[in-house]
N, C-alpha and C. Protein backbone atom coordinates (compact mmCIF):
# COMPACT_ATOMS: atom_id res chain seq x y z
N MET A 1 -15.16 47.40 176.90
CA MET A 1 -13.85 47.00 177.45
C MET A 1 -13.88 45.60 178.05
N ALA A 2 -14.98 45.34 178.71
CA ALA A 2 -15.14 44.02 179.33
C ALA A 2 -15.06 42.90 178.30
N ALA A 3 -15.77 43.12 177.18
CA ALA A 3 -15.74 42.12 176.15
C ALA A 3 -14.34 41.91 175.54
N GLY A 4 -13.64 43.02 175.36
CA GLY A 4 -12.29 42.93 174.85
C GLY A 4 -11.33 42.17 175.77
N LEU A 5 -11.49 42.37 177.09
CA LEU A 5 -10.69 41.62 178.07
C LEU A 5 -11.03 40.13 178.05
N ASP A 6 -12.31 39.85 177.93
CA ASP A 6 -12.73 38.45 177.87
C ASP A 6 -12.22 37.77 176.56
N LEU A 7 -12.31 38.46 175.48
CA LEU A 7 -11.82 37.91 174.23
C LEU A 7 -10.27 37.73 174.20
N ALA A 8 -9.55 38.64 174.84
CA ALA A 8 -8.12 38.43 174.96
C ALA A 8 -7.77 37.19 175.76
N PHE A 9 -8.48 37.01 176.86
CA PHE A 9 -8.29 35.83 177.71
C PHE A 9 -8.58 34.54 176.91
N LEU A 10 -9.78 34.55 176.21
CA LEU A 10 -10.14 33.34 175.46
C LEU A 10 -9.22 33.10 174.31
N GLY A 11 -8.79 34.16 173.67
CA GLY A 11 -7.84 34.04 172.51
C GLY A 11 -6.54 33.33 172.95
N CYS A 12 -6.00 33.72 174.13
CA CYS A 12 -4.79 33.09 174.60
C CYS A 12 -5.04 31.64 174.98
N GLU A 13 -6.11 31.36 175.60
CA GLU A 13 -6.44 30.00 176.02
C GLU A 13 -6.63 29.07 174.78
N ILE A 14 -7.33 29.60 173.79
CA ILE A 14 -7.60 28.82 172.57
C ILE A 14 -6.32 28.66 171.80
N GLY A 15 -5.48 29.71 171.82
CA GLY A 15 -4.17 29.59 171.15
C GLY A 15 -3.34 28.48 171.75
N LEU A 16 -3.31 28.39 173.07
CA LEU A 16 -2.56 27.34 173.71
C LEU A 16 -3.18 25.97 173.40
N LEU A 17 -4.49 25.91 173.38
CA LEU A 17 -5.18 24.62 173.16
C LEU A 17 -5.01 24.14 171.71
N ALA A 18 -5.02 25.08 170.79
CA ALA A 18 -4.96 24.70 169.35
C ALA A 18 -3.57 24.82 168.75
N SER A 19 -2.54 24.92 169.57
CA SER A 19 -1.17 25.01 169.08
C SER A 19 -0.87 23.81 168.20
N ALA A 20 -0.18 24.08 167.09
CA ALA A 20 0.15 23.03 166.15
C ALA A 20 1.11 21.95 166.74
N THR A 21 2.06 22.39 167.50
CA THR A 21 3.03 21.46 168.07
C THR A 21 3.36 21.87 169.48
N ASP A 22 3.99 20.95 170.22
CA ASP A 22 4.36 21.25 171.58
C ASP A 22 5.39 22.39 171.63
N ARG A 23 6.25 22.46 170.61
CA ARG A 23 7.24 23.52 170.56
C ARG A 23 6.59 24.91 170.45
N VAL A 24 5.61 25.03 169.64
CA VAL A 24 4.86 26.30 169.50
C VAL A 24 4.13 26.60 170.82
N ARG A 25 3.54 25.60 171.44
CA ARG A 25 2.82 25.83 172.70
C ARG A 25 3.83 26.35 173.77
N LYS A 26 4.98 25.77 173.80
CA LYS A 26 5.98 26.21 174.82
C LYS A 26 6.49 27.69 174.51
N GLU A 27 6.55 27.99 173.22
CA GLU A 27 7.04 29.33 172.84
C GLU A 27 6.03 30.41 173.25
N ILE A 28 4.77 30.13 173.11
CA ILE A 28 3.76 31.15 173.38
C ILE A 28 3.23 31.10 174.83
N ALA A 29 3.56 30.03 175.53
CA ALA A 29 3.00 29.87 176.88
C ALA A 29 3.36 30.99 177.84
N GLY A 30 4.55 31.45 177.83
CA GLY A 30 4.97 32.56 178.73
C GLY A 30 4.20 33.85 178.41
N TYR A 31 4.06 34.19 177.13
CA TYR A 31 3.28 35.39 176.77
C TYR A 31 1.81 35.24 177.19
N CYS A 32 1.27 34.04 176.93
CA CYS A 32 -0.11 33.84 177.24
C CYS A 32 -0.34 33.89 178.75
N ARG A 33 0.55 33.34 179.54
CA ARG A 33 0.37 33.48 180.99
C ARG A 33 0.37 34.92 181.46
N MET A 34 1.33 35.71 180.91
CA MET A 34 1.34 37.14 181.29
C MET A 34 0.07 37.82 180.84
N ALA A 35 -0.43 37.53 179.65
CA ALA A 35 -1.59 38.20 179.13
C ALA A 35 -2.86 37.76 179.93
N ILE A 36 -2.93 36.51 180.23
CA ILE A 36 -4.10 36.03 181.04
C ILE A 36 -4.10 36.59 182.41
N GLY A 37 -2.93 36.62 183.03
CA GLY A 37 -2.82 37.24 184.39
C GLY A 37 -3.20 38.70 184.35
N GLY A 38 -2.71 39.47 183.37
CA GLY A 38 -3.03 40.85 183.26
C GLY A 38 -4.52 41.07 183.02
N THR A 39 -5.10 40.31 182.12
CA THR A 39 -6.47 40.53 181.83
C THR A 39 -7.41 40.18 183.03
N MET A 40 -7.01 39.15 183.74
CA MET A 40 -7.77 38.80 184.92
C MET A 40 -7.67 39.85 186.01
N LEU A 41 -6.51 40.41 186.25
CA LEU A 41 -6.31 41.49 187.22
C LEU A 41 -7.13 42.73 186.86
N VAL A 42 -6.99 43.18 185.63
CA VAL A 42 -7.70 44.33 185.16
C VAL A 42 -9.23 44.09 185.26
N SER A 43 -9.63 42.96 184.81
CA SER A 43 -11.07 42.60 184.82
C SER A 43 -11.60 42.63 186.26
N ALA A 44 -10.81 42.03 187.15
CA ALA A 44 -11.29 42.02 188.56
C ALA A 44 -11.39 43.46 189.14
N GLY A 45 -10.41 44.27 188.83
CA GLY A 45 -10.44 45.68 189.32
C GLY A 45 -11.61 46.40 188.70
N LEU A 46 -11.83 46.29 187.42
CA LEU A 46 -12.92 47.00 186.83
C LEU A 46 -14.30 46.51 187.29
N ASN A 47 -14.41 45.19 187.46
CA ASN A 47 -15.65 44.65 188.00
C ASN A 47 -15.92 45.15 189.42
N GLY A 48 -14.88 45.14 190.22
CA GLY A 48 -15.02 45.64 191.62
C GLY A 48 -15.52 47.09 191.62
N LEU A 49 -14.92 47.91 190.73
CA LEU A 49 -15.36 49.35 190.66
C LEU A 49 -16.76 49.44 190.15
N ALA A 50 -17.10 48.67 189.14
CA ALA A 50 -18.50 48.76 188.59
C ALA A 50 -19.51 48.26 189.56
N PHE A 51 -19.27 47.17 190.25
CA PHE A 51 -20.20 46.64 191.23
C PHE A 51 -20.34 47.60 192.42
N GLY A 52 -19.19 48.13 192.88
CA GLY A 52 -19.15 48.99 194.03
C GLY A 52 -19.77 50.38 193.73
N ALA A 53 -19.73 50.79 192.50
CA ALA A 53 -20.21 52.10 192.16
C ALA A 53 -21.74 52.30 192.37
N VAL A 54 -22.46 51.20 192.28
CA VAL A 54 -23.92 51.28 192.43
C VAL A 54 -24.41 50.82 193.78
N ALA A 55 -23.55 50.36 194.63
CA ALA A 55 -23.87 49.88 195.96
C ALA A 55 -23.79 51.00 196.99
N THR A 56 -24.66 50.91 197.97
CA THR A 56 -24.64 51.92 199.06
C THR A 56 -24.61 51.19 200.40
N GLY A 57 -24.16 51.92 201.41
CA GLY A 57 -24.11 51.40 202.78
C GLY A 57 -23.18 50.16 202.83
N TRP A 58 -23.60 49.21 203.69
CA TRP A 58 -22.77 48.06 203.87
C TRP A 58 -22.79 47.11 202.70
N PHE A 59 -23.70 47.31 201.73
CA PHE A 59 -23.69 46.49 200.53
C PHE A 59 -22.43 46.73 199.66
N LEU A 60 -21.74 47.81 199.87
CA LEU A 60 -20.57 48.12 199.11
C LEU A 60 -19.53 47.00 199.16
N TYR A 61 -19.28 46.45 200.37
CA TYR A 61 -18.18 45.49 200.50
C TYR A 61 -18.53 44.15 199.82
N PRO A 62 -19.76 43.56 200.01
CA PRO A 62 -20.06 42.33 199.24
C PRO A 62 -20.15 42.61 197.75
N ALA A 63 -20.58 43.79 197.31
CA ALA A 63 -20.62 44.06 195.88
C ALA A 63 -19.23 44.08 195.27
N ILE A 64 -18.28 44.70 195.96
CA ILE A 64 -16.88 44.69 195.46
C ILE A 64 -16.34 43.27 195.45
N GLY A 65 -16.58 42.52 196.53
CA GLY A 65 -16.12 41.14 196.58
C GLY A 65 -16.67 40.27 195.46
N LEU A 66 -17.94 40.46 195.16
CA LEU A 66 -18.54 39.68 194.10
C LEU A 66 -17.93 40.13 192.75
N GLY A 67 -17.74 41.44 192.55
CA GLY A 67 -17.17 41.90 191.30
C GLY A 67 -15.72 41.40 191.11
N VAL A 68 -14.94 41.27 192.15
CA VAL A 68 -13.58 40.81 192.07
C VAL A 68 -13.58 39.31 191.83
N SER A 69 -14.54 38.55 192.40
CA SER A 69 -14.52 37.12 192.29
C SER A 69 -14.98 36.58 190.97
N VAL A 70 -15.79 37.31 190.23
CA VAL A 70 -16.34 36.85 188.97
C VAL A 70 -15.21 36.47 187.96
N PRO A 71 -14.18 37.31 187.73
CA PRO A 71 -13.13 36.88 186.82
C PRO A 71 -12.36 35.63 187.30
N GLY A 72 -12.18 35.53 188.64
CA GLY A 72 -11.57 34.38 189.16
C GLY A 72 -12.30 33.09 188.88
N LEU A 73 -13.61 33.17 189.06
CA LEU A 73 -14.41 31.99 188.79
C LEU A 73 -14.44 31.64 187.31
N ILE A 74 -14.49 32.65 186.44
CA ILE A 74 -14.38 32.43 185.01
C ILE A 74 -13.08 31.77 184.64
N TYR A 75 -11.99 32.24 185.21
CA TYR A 75 -10.70 31.66 184.97
C TYR A 75 -10.65 30.17 185.42
N LEU A 76 -11.10 29.89 186.59
CA LEU A 76 -11.11 28.52 187.06
C LEU A 76 -11.95 27.58 186.21
N LEU A 77 -13.18 28.03 185.88
CA LEU A 77 -14.00 27.20 185.04
C LEU A 77 -13.45 27.04 183.62
N SER A 78 -12.81 28.04 183.11
CA SER A 78 -12.20 27.97 181.79
C SER A 78 -11.04 27.02 181.81
N ARG A 79 -10.22 27.03 182.88
CA ARG A 79 -9.06 26.16 182.97
C ARG A 79 -9.55 24.69 182.98
N VAL A 80 -10.58 24.44 183.72
CA VAL A 80 -11.14 23.04 183.79
C VAL A 80 -11.62 22.66 182.39
N SER A 81 -12.36 23.52 181.73
CA SER A 81 -12.91 23.23 180.40
C SER A 81 -11.78 22.98 179.38
N PHE A 82 -10.80 23.85 179.35
CA PHE A 82 -9.74 23.73 178.40
C PHE A 82 -8.85 22.51 178.69
N THR A 83 -8.67 22.22 179.94
CA THR A 83 -7.89 21.00 180.28
C THR A 83 -8.63 19.76 179.86
N LEU A 84 -9.92 19.69 180.08
CA LEU A 84 -10.70 18.54 179.63
C LEU A 84 -10.71 18.40 178.11
N ALA A 85 -10.75 19.58 177.41
CA ALA A 85 -10.83 19.56 175.94
C ALA A 85 -9.49 19.08 175.35
N SER A 86 -8.41 19.32 176.05
CA SER A 86 -7.08 18.96 175.52
C SER A 86 -6.70 17.48 175.79
N ARG A 87 -7.51 16.79 176.55
CA ARG A 87 -7.19 15.40 176.89
C ARG A 87 -7.79 14.44 175.95
């Protein structure tokens, strides 16, 4: 499931980057934003659950925090990469 979420995110980003024209990019941008937001939220939730499921004691809270932050970091690094690639 994690791979599918990551591929959906990357597919939308690459679709925006490789759009044939500005008109096409504008037409798909709204859908891509919704899909990217949804995949990032679901990925953060599932990561938080997975990281927290194996943690015990006070390690539970940093584990959940790390699990939730991973998709956010991936999103930020991807945005920088795709922005640089499109320039």
